[in-house]
Protein backbone atom coordinates (compact mmCIF):
# COMPACT_ATOMS: atom_id res chain seq x y z
CA MET A 1 0.00 0.00 0.00
CA SER A 2 1.45 3.36 -1.02
CA ASP A 3 1.99 6.03 1.61
CA ARG A 4 1.36 8.74 -1.00
CA ARG A 5 -1.50 10.98 0.08
CA PRO A 6 -4.60 10.48 -2.13
CA TYR A 7 -5.40 13.39 -4.43
CA LEU A 8 -8.90 14.09 -5.80
CA ALA A 9 -9.42 16.97 -8.23
CA ALA A 10 -12.71 18.24 -9.67
CA ASN A 11 -12.38 19.81 -13.11
CA TRP A 12 -15.59 21.75 -13.72
CA LYS A 13 -14.50 22.87 -17.19
CA MET A 14 -16.84 25.59 -18.61
CA ASN A 15 -19.61 24.97 -16.09
CA LYS A 16 -21.17 26.80 -13.14
CA THR A 17 -21.80 30.50 -12.60
CA PRO A 18 -20.54 32.03 -9.33
CA ALA A 19 -23.99 31.45 -7.80
CA GLU A 20 -23.96 27.81 -8.89
CA SER A 21 -20.44 27.42 -7.56
CA ASP A 22 -21.51 28.81 -4.21
CA ALA A 23 -24.45 26.40 -4.08
CA PHE A 24 -22.09 23.48 -4.76
CA PHE A 25 -19.81 24.44 -1.87
CA GLU A 26 -22.77 25.03 0.44
CA ARG A 27 -23.66 21.36 0.08
CA PHE A 28 -20.20 19.85 -0.43
CA LEU A 29 -18.42 21.51 2.48
CA GLY A 30 -21.23 20.55 4.82
CA GLU A 31 -20.59 16.86 4.18
CA ILE A 32 -16.82 16.70 3.81
CA GLY A 33 -16.05 15.55 7.34
CA GLY A 34 -13.57 12.72 7.75
CA LEU A 35 -11.62 13.44 4.57
CA ASP A 36 -8.70 15.33 6.09
CA ASP A 37 -6.31 12.53 5.13
CA ARG A 38 -6.48 13.33 1.40
CA ASP A 39 -6.01 16.33 -0.86
CA ILE A 40 -9.25 17.63 -2.37
CA VAL A 41 -8.93 20.23 -5.11
CA VAL A 42 -11.71 21.96 -7.05
CA CYS A 43 -11.03 23.68 -10.37
CA PRO A 44 -13.82 26.18 -11.13
CA PRO A 45 -13.93 28.50 -14.16
CA PHE A 46 -12.02 31.75 -13.83
CA THR A 47 -15.14 33.74 -12.92
CA SER A 48 -15.66 31.69 -9.77
CA LEU A 49 -12.06 31.37 -8.56
CA ALA A 50 -11.95 34.26 -6.09
CA ASP A 51 -15.31 33.40 -4.53
CA ALA A 52 -14.33 29.73 -4.31
CA VAL A 53 -11.10 30.59 -2.51
CA ASP A 54 -13.04 32.65 0.04
CA ARG A 55 -15.65 29.92 0.45
CA CYS A 56 -13.07 27.19 1.09
CA ARG A 57 -10.60 29.21 3.16
CA ARG A 58 -11.31 27.36 6.42
CA SER A 59 -11.89 23.94 4.86
CA PRO A 60 -9.69 21.10 3.59
CA VAL A 61 -10.55 22.02 -0.01
CA ARG A 62 -8.00 23.83 -2.15
CA ILE A 63 -8.78 25.75 -5.33
CA ALA A 64 -7.08 25.34 -8.69
CA ALA A 65 -7.35 27.15 -12.00
CA GLN A 66 -7.94 25.29 -15.26
CA ASN A 67 -5.17 26.99 -17.22
CA MET A 68 -2.65 29.84 -17.15
CA HIS A 69 -0.25 31.66 -19.44
CA GLU A 70 3.48 31.35 -18.97
CA ALA A 71 4.13 35.11 -19.11
CA GLU A 72 3.85 37.25 -15.97
CA SER A 73 2.01 39.97 -17.89
CA GLY A 74 1.70 41.36 -21.38
CA ALA A 75 -0.40 41.67 -24.50
CA PHE A 76 -2.13 38.29 -24.26
CA THR A 77 -5.84 39.03 -24.53
CA GLY A 78 -8.01 36.57 -22.66
CA GLU A 79 -5.15 34.98 -20.70
CA VAL A 80 -4.40 34.82 -16.96
CA SER A 81 -0.94 34.69 -15.40
CA ALA A 82 0.47 32.74 -12.46
CA PRO A 83 0.92 35.88 -10.30
CA MET A 84 -2.74 36.79 -10.90
CA LEU A 85 -3.82 33.36 -9.70
CA SER A 86 -1.53 33.42 -6.68
CA ALA A 87 -2.74 36.89 -5.72
CA ILE A 88 -6.30 35.65 -5.17
CA GLY A 89 -5.26 32.56 -3.24
CA VAL A 90 -5.38 29.90 -5.95
CA GLU A 91 -3.01 27.07 -5.02
CA ALA A 92 -2.82 24.84 -8.10
CA VAL A 93 -3.40 24.85 -11.85
CA VAL A 94 -4.37 22.26 -14.45
CA LEU A 95 -1.97 22.29 -17.40
CA GLY A 96 -2.10 20.42 -20.69
CA HIS A 97 -5.62 19.02 -20.45
CA SER A 98 -6.43 17.16 -23.66
CA GLU A 99 -9.15 19.69 -24.49
CA ARG A 100 -6.57 22.47 -24.28
CA ARG A 101 -4.22 20.47 -26.49
CA ALA A 102 -6.87 19.46 -29.06
CA LEU A 103 -9.13 22.52 -29.19
CA PHE A 104 -6.70 25.34 -28.40
CA ALA A 105 -3.48 24.01 -29.96
CA GLU A 106 -1.54 23.81 -26.70
CA THR A 107 1.83 22.22 -27.40
CA ASP A 108 4.40 20.34 -25.36
CA GLU A 109 6.74 23.26 -25.97
CA ALA A 110 4.28 25.64 -24.31
CA LEU A 111 3.81 23.27 -21.40
CA ALA A 112 7.56 23.00 -20.94
CA ARG A 113 7.46 26.74 -20.24
CA LYS A 114 4.28 26.74 -18.15
CA VAL A 115 5.13 24.01 -15.65
CA PRO A 116 8.29 25.67 -14.24
CA VAL A 117 6.49 29.03 -14.12
CA ALA A 118 3.69 27.51 -12.05
CA LEU A 119 6.18 25.95 -9.63
CA ALA A 120 8.10 29.21 -9.28
CA ALA A 121 4.84 31.00 -8.41
CA GLY A 122 3.99 28.44 -5.72
CA LEU A 123 1.23 26.85 -7.79
CA GLU A 124 1.00 23.07 -7.85
CA PRO A 125 0.88 21.95 -11.49
CA ILE A 126 -1.62 19.21 -12.38
CA LEU A 127 -0.07 18.09 -15.66
CA CYS A 128 -2.34 16.07 -17.95
CA VAL A 129 -0.96 13.49 -20.37
CA GLY A 130 -2.62 10.76 -22.40
CA GLU A 131 -3.06 9.09 -25.76
CA SER A 132 -5.87 9.16 -28.31
CA GLU A 133 -7.85 6.07 -29.29
CA ALA A 134 -6.01 5.89 -32.60
CA GLN A 135 -2.67 6.05 -30.83
CA ARG A 136 -3.68 3.29 -28.41
CA ASP A 137 -4.97 1.11 -31.27
CA ALA A 138 -1.63 1.62 -33.04
CA GLY A 139 0.30 0.49 -29.96
CA GLU A 140 1.74 3.97 -29.39
CA THR A 141 0.56 4.60 -25.82
CA GLU A 142 3.98 4.24 -24.20
CA SER A 143 5.77 6.34 -26.81
CA VAL A 144 3.15 9.11 -26.60
CA LEU A 145 3.41 9.20 -22.81
CA ARG A 146 7.21 9.28 -23.00
CA ARG A 147 7.16 12.17 -25.44
CA GLN A 148 4.71 14.18 -23.33
CA VAL A 149 6.30 13.50 -19.94
CA GLU A 150 9.86 14.14 -21.12
CA ALA A 151 8.97 17.29 -23.07
CA ASP A 152 6.53 18.82 -20.59
CA LEU A 153 8.87 18.34 -17.60
CA ALA A 154 12.08 19.27 -19.41
CA GLY A 155 12.35 22.56 -17.51
CA VAL A 156 11.69 21.05 -14.08
CA GLY A 157 14.68 20.13 -11.95
CA ASP A 158 14.89 16.67 -10.44
CA ALA A 159 14.41 18.11 -6.96
CA GLU A 160 11.06 19.59 -8.01
CA LEU A 161 9.62 16.63 -9.89
CA ALA A 162 7.68 15.31 -6.91
CA SER A 163 5.97 18.71 -6.56
CA VAL A 164 4.17 18.10 -9.85
CA VAL A 165 0.94 16.08 -9.93
CA ILE A 166 0.46 14.11 -13.15
CA ALA A 167 -2.97 13.09 -14.42
CA TYR A 168 -3.08 10.23 -16.90
CA GLU A 169 -6.10 10.95 -19.09
CA PRO A 170 -6.63 8.66 -22.05
CA ILE A 171 -8.28 11.00 -24.53
CA TRP A 172 -10.68 8.29 -25.69
CA ALA A 173 -12.14 8.11 -22.17
CA ILE A 174 -12.77 11.81 -21.57
CA GLY A 175 -16.43 12.76 -21.78
CA THR A 176 -17.22 9.62 -23.79
CA GLY A 177 -18.53 7.38 -21.04
CA LYS A 178 -15.69 4.97 -21.82
CA THR A 179 -13.32 4.19 -18.97
CA ALA A 180 -9.95 2.49 -19.06
CA THR A 181 -10.06 -0.80 -17.22
CA PRO A 182 -8.25 -0.73 -13.88
CA ASP A 183 -5.53 -2.90 -15.42
CA LEU A 184 -5.01 -0.55 -18.38
CA ALA A 185 -5.09 2.54 -16.15
CA GLU A 186 -2.60 1.10 -13.68
CA GLU A 187 -0.32 -0.07 -16.47
CA ALA A 188 -0.17 3.43 -17.97
CA VAL A 189 0.34 5.07 -14.58
CA ALA A 190 3.16 2.63 -13.79
CA HIS A 191 4.78 3.51 -17.12
CA ILE A 192 4.62 7.22 -16.26
CA ARG A 193 6.15 6.51 -12.86
CA ALA A 194 8.94 4.55 -14.53
CA LEU A 195 9.64 7.53 -16.81
CA ILE A 196 10.02 9.76 -13.76
CA GLY A 197 12.20 7.06 -12.20
CA GLU A 198 14.61 7.27 -15.14
CA ARG A 199 15.37 10.79 -13.95
CA ASP A 200 15.06 10.37 -10.19
CA PRO A 201 13.94 7.20 -8.36
CA ALA A 202 13.05 9.13 -5.18
CA ALA A 203 10.80 11.48 -7.16
CA ALA A 204 9.12 8.49 -8.82
CA ALA A 205 8.29 7.01 -5.43
CA ALA A 206 6.85 10.29 -4.17
CA ILE A 207 5.10 11.84 -7.18
CA ARG A 208 1.34 11.46 -7.30
CA ILE A 209 -0.14 10.18 -10.54
CA LEU A 210 -3.91 10.35 -11.03
CA TYR A 211 -6.33 8.71 -13.42
CA GLY A 212 -8.86 10.80 -15.32
CA GLY A 213 -11.46 9.72 -17.83
CA SER A 214 -15.15 9.14 -17.04
CA VAL A 215 -14.49 8.51 -13.34
CA LYS A 216 -17.82 8.04 -11.57
CA PRO A 217 -19.00 6.92 -8.13
CA ASP A 218 -19.67 3.41 -9.42
CA ASN A 219 -16.16 2.81 -10.82
CA ALA A 220 -14.07 4.99 -8.49
CA ALA A 221 -13.31 2.38 -5.83
CA GLU A 222 -12.04 -0.16 -8.36
CA LEU A 223 -9.80 2.38 -10.08
CA LEU A 224 -8.57 4.09 -6.93
CA GLY A 225 -7.92 0.78 -5.20
CA ARG A 226 -4.95 0.14 -7.47
CA GLY A 227 -1.63 0.77 -5.75
CA GLU A 228 -0.08 2.80 -8.57
CA ILE A 229 -3.07 5.15 -8.93
CA ASP A 230 -2.95 7.96 -6.37
CA GLY A 231 -6.27 9.65 -7.08
CA ALA A 232 -8.49 11.00 -9.83
CA LEU A 233 -9.05 14.06 -11.98
CA VAL A 234 -12.82 14.05 -12.30
CA GLY A 235 -14.83 15.85 -14.97
CA GLY A 236 -18.59 15.56 -15.33
CA ALA A 237 -19.14 13.58 -12.13
CA SER A 238 -17.56 16.40 -10.11
CA LEU A 239 -20.38 18.80 -10.93
CA GLU A 240 -22.73 17.15 -8.43
CA PRO A 241 -21.64 17.44 -4.78
CA ALA A 242 -22.90 13.98 -3.84
CA ASP A 243 -21.12 12.31 -6.77
CA PHE A 244 -17.79 14.01 -6.17
CA LEU A 245 -18.05 13.35 -2.44
CA ALA A 246 -18.60 9.64 -3.16
CA ILE A 247 -15.51 9.57 -5.36
CA CYS A 248 -13.46 11.34 -2.68
CA ARG A 249 -14.57 8.78 -0.10
CA ALA A 250 -13.61 5.91 -2.43
CA ALA A 251 -9.93 6.89 -2.44
């Protein structure tokens, strides 16, 4: 049994107004007792971040952003910087989600710049990696994960590797209702851990690697019961307090 602290993250994507966010926390925080032994992180849209930080200030829940720009400031319309997030009390940031890669042309080169910037600002990066269905069918899963992990963490020193959280998200399982079997998920997570181990064995033992991809209350226990899987990055099922709470309790 790993002594790594379980990590559960709720990625709300482009959902919930500030009022809806507040209603979620009203219910969720009232029922979160007994979960102090795990990290619980909620990633609201930008418009709800400040209110969410205030709402969760005296709770075990930490707040993360869903993206950030690598520059501290500048002519980047529509972007948000690490210092802006830190200034309002945000503690973590999702980077490289497959939707950002596929829909907004985010590259490994950009992520190689973003991850060190997040760490320098005191933000915990939640770095997403994963293969498409075509890549898995072609037997390319391991090579895709190697390329992403090596490129995205190229600017992170070995001493800081364990400060990154990695989320393995097979693209074919995100928002599709498909879920990787526990065996497939654990196999991919173990491969990612081995890649970190090639750089630093101590970091590989300490780094937390999550599974993401149609995680729901009815499959969470089976996935999160695997020794290599340290938690979950949850999408749609995190929008309902009772569902996300059930997933958190399954870890």
